[in-house]
Protein backbone atom coordinates (compact mmCIF):
# COMPACT_ATOMS: atom_id res chain seq x y z
CA MET A 1 60.92 -81.31 -190.66
CA SER A 2 58.88 -78.87 -192.69
CA PRO A 3 60.17 -77.48 -195.98
CA THR A 4 60.59 -74.02 -194.43
CA GLN A 5 62.76 -75.36 -191.64
CA THR A 6 64.82 -77.36 -194.10
CA THR A 7 65.42 -74.27 -196.23
CA LEU A 8 66.41 -72.19 -193.19
CA VAL A 9 68.82 -74.86 -191.99
CA GLN A 10 70.47 -74.89 -195.40
CA VAL A 11 70.51 -71.10 -196.03
CA LEU A 12 71.50 -69.77 -192.58
CA PRO A 13 74.96 -71.36 -192.51
CA LEU A 14 75.65 -69.81 -195.92
CA ALA A 15 74.56 -66.39 -194.66
CA ALA A 16 76.83 -66.80 -191.65
CA LYS A 17 79.84 -67.40 -193.92
CA ASP A 18 79.08 -64.28 -195.95
CA LEU A 19 78.72 -62.16 -192.80
CA ASP A 20 81.78 -60.04 -192.04
CA GLU A 21 82.48 -60.48 -188.32
CA ASN A 22 84.12 -57.03 -188.11
CA LYS A 23 81.08 -55.21 -189.51
CA VAL A 24 77.96 -54.94 -187.37
CA THR A 25 74.72 -53.40 -188.69
CA PRO A 26 71.46 -52.76 -186.84
CA GLY A 27 69.39 -54.71 -189.35
CA VAL A 28 65.63 -54.75 -189.69
CA LEU A 29 64.97 -54.61 -185.95
CA GLY A 30 67.07 -51.46 -185.65
CA PHE A 31 65.16 -49.85 -188.50
CA ILE A 32 61.81 -50.75 -186.95
CA VAL A 33 62.82 -49.31 -183.56
CA PHE A 34 64.14 -46.14 -185.22
CA ALA A 35 60.93 -45.77 -187.26
CA LEU A 36 58.78 -46.21 -184.12
CA ILE A 37 60.77 -43.58 -182.23
CA GLY A 38 60.45 -41.21 -185.22
CA ALA A 39 56.69 -41.79 -185.40
CA ALA A 40 56.34 -41.18 -181.65
CA VAL A 41 58.27 -37.90 -181.88
CA TRP A 42 56.15 -36.81 -184.85
CA MET A 43 52.91 -37.54 -182.93
CA LEU A 44 54.19 -35.70 -179.84
CA MET A 45 55.13 -32.66 -181.93
CA LYS A 46 51.71 -32.69 -183.58
CA SER A 47 49.98 -32.88 -180.19
CA MET A 48 52.16 -30.10 -178.75
CA ASN A 49 51.39 -27.89 -181.74
CA LYS A 50 47.65 -28.47 -181.23
CA HIS A 51 47.90 -27.58 -177.51
CA MET A 52 50.01 -24.49 -178.20
CA LYS A 53 47.39 -23.21 -180.66
CA ARG A 54 44.78 -23.40 -177.88
CA VAL A 55 46.79 -21.13 -175.58
CA ASN A 56 45.42 -17.59 -175.63
CA PHE A 57 48.23 -15.52 -174.18
CA GLU A 58 48.24 -11.75 -174.37
CA GLU A 59 51.01 -10.01 -172.50
CA GLN A 60 49.80 -7.24 -170.21
CA PRO A 61 51.62 -3.93 -170.61
CA GLU A 62 53.72 -2.92 -167.63
CA GLN A 63 52.04 -0.35 -165.38
CA PRO A 64 54.46 2.10 -163.79
CA ALA A 65 54.09 2.37 -160.03
CA ALA A 66 53.37 5.97 -159.01
CA ASP A 67 54.28 6.04 -155.31
CA ASP A 68 56.03 2.70 -154.85
CA ASP A 69 59.74 2.82 -154.09
CA GLY A 70 60.29 -0.78 -155.13
CA PRO A 71 60.19 -4.22 -153.58
CA ALA A 72 62.56 -3.26 -150.77
CA GLN A 73 60.18 -0.57 -149.54
CA ALA A 74 57.20 -2.93 -149.76
CA ALA A 75 59.07 -5.61 -147.80
CA ALA A 76 60.02 -3.12 -145.09
CA GLU A 77 56.41 -1.96 -144.74
CA ALA A 78 55.19 -5.55 -144.51
CA ALA A 79 57.75 -6.34 -141.81
CA GLU A 80 56.67 -3.31 -139.77
CA ALA A 81 53.01 -4.29 -140.05
CA ALA A 82 53.79 -7.86 -138.96
CA ALA A 83 55.76 -6.63 -135.94
CA GLU A 84 52.92 -4.37 -134.79
CA ALA A 85 50.14 -6.94 -135.30
CA PRO A 86 51.02 -9.35 -132.41
CA ALA A 87 51.38 -6.47 -129.94
CA GLU A 88 47.93 -5.12 -130.82
CA THR A 89 46.21 -8.50 -130.53
CA ALA A 90 47.84 -9.24 -127.18
CA ALA A 91 46.67 -5.89 -125.73
CA SER A 92 43.08 -6.32 -126.87
CA ALA A 93 42.64 -9.95 -125.70
CA PRO A 94 41.45 -10.63 -122.11
CA SER A 95 44.19 -11.82 -119.81
CA ALA A 96 42.37 -14.86 -118.33
CA PRO A 97 38.83 -16.17 -118.26
CA PRO A 98 36.93 -15.79 -114.96
CA LYS A 99 36.93 -18.84 -112.65
CA ARG A 100 33.70 -20.58 -111.93
CA GLU A 101 32.79 -21.61 -108.44
CA GLY A 102 30.84 -24.69 -108.25
């Protein structure tokens, strides 16, 4: 056995006796995980801030519609145009191609 192992074997049972079984703490591993999560959030916030600075957004002023009665009127006009379109194409298309004798 190495001296390090001997020391651990002697010290760990003493640490176990001093440990309160009703009190649980996260320890070093919990701190390391918490620090890594904090560092990741900090880097994400820094990256987001850099990307947001690149955005060039200028809001366009609203243009009032002069002769538009609203979306309901535009939808009604579109529906009328769609209903008339198939009737016009059917009337202009030839009924059947001529048969070939051969």
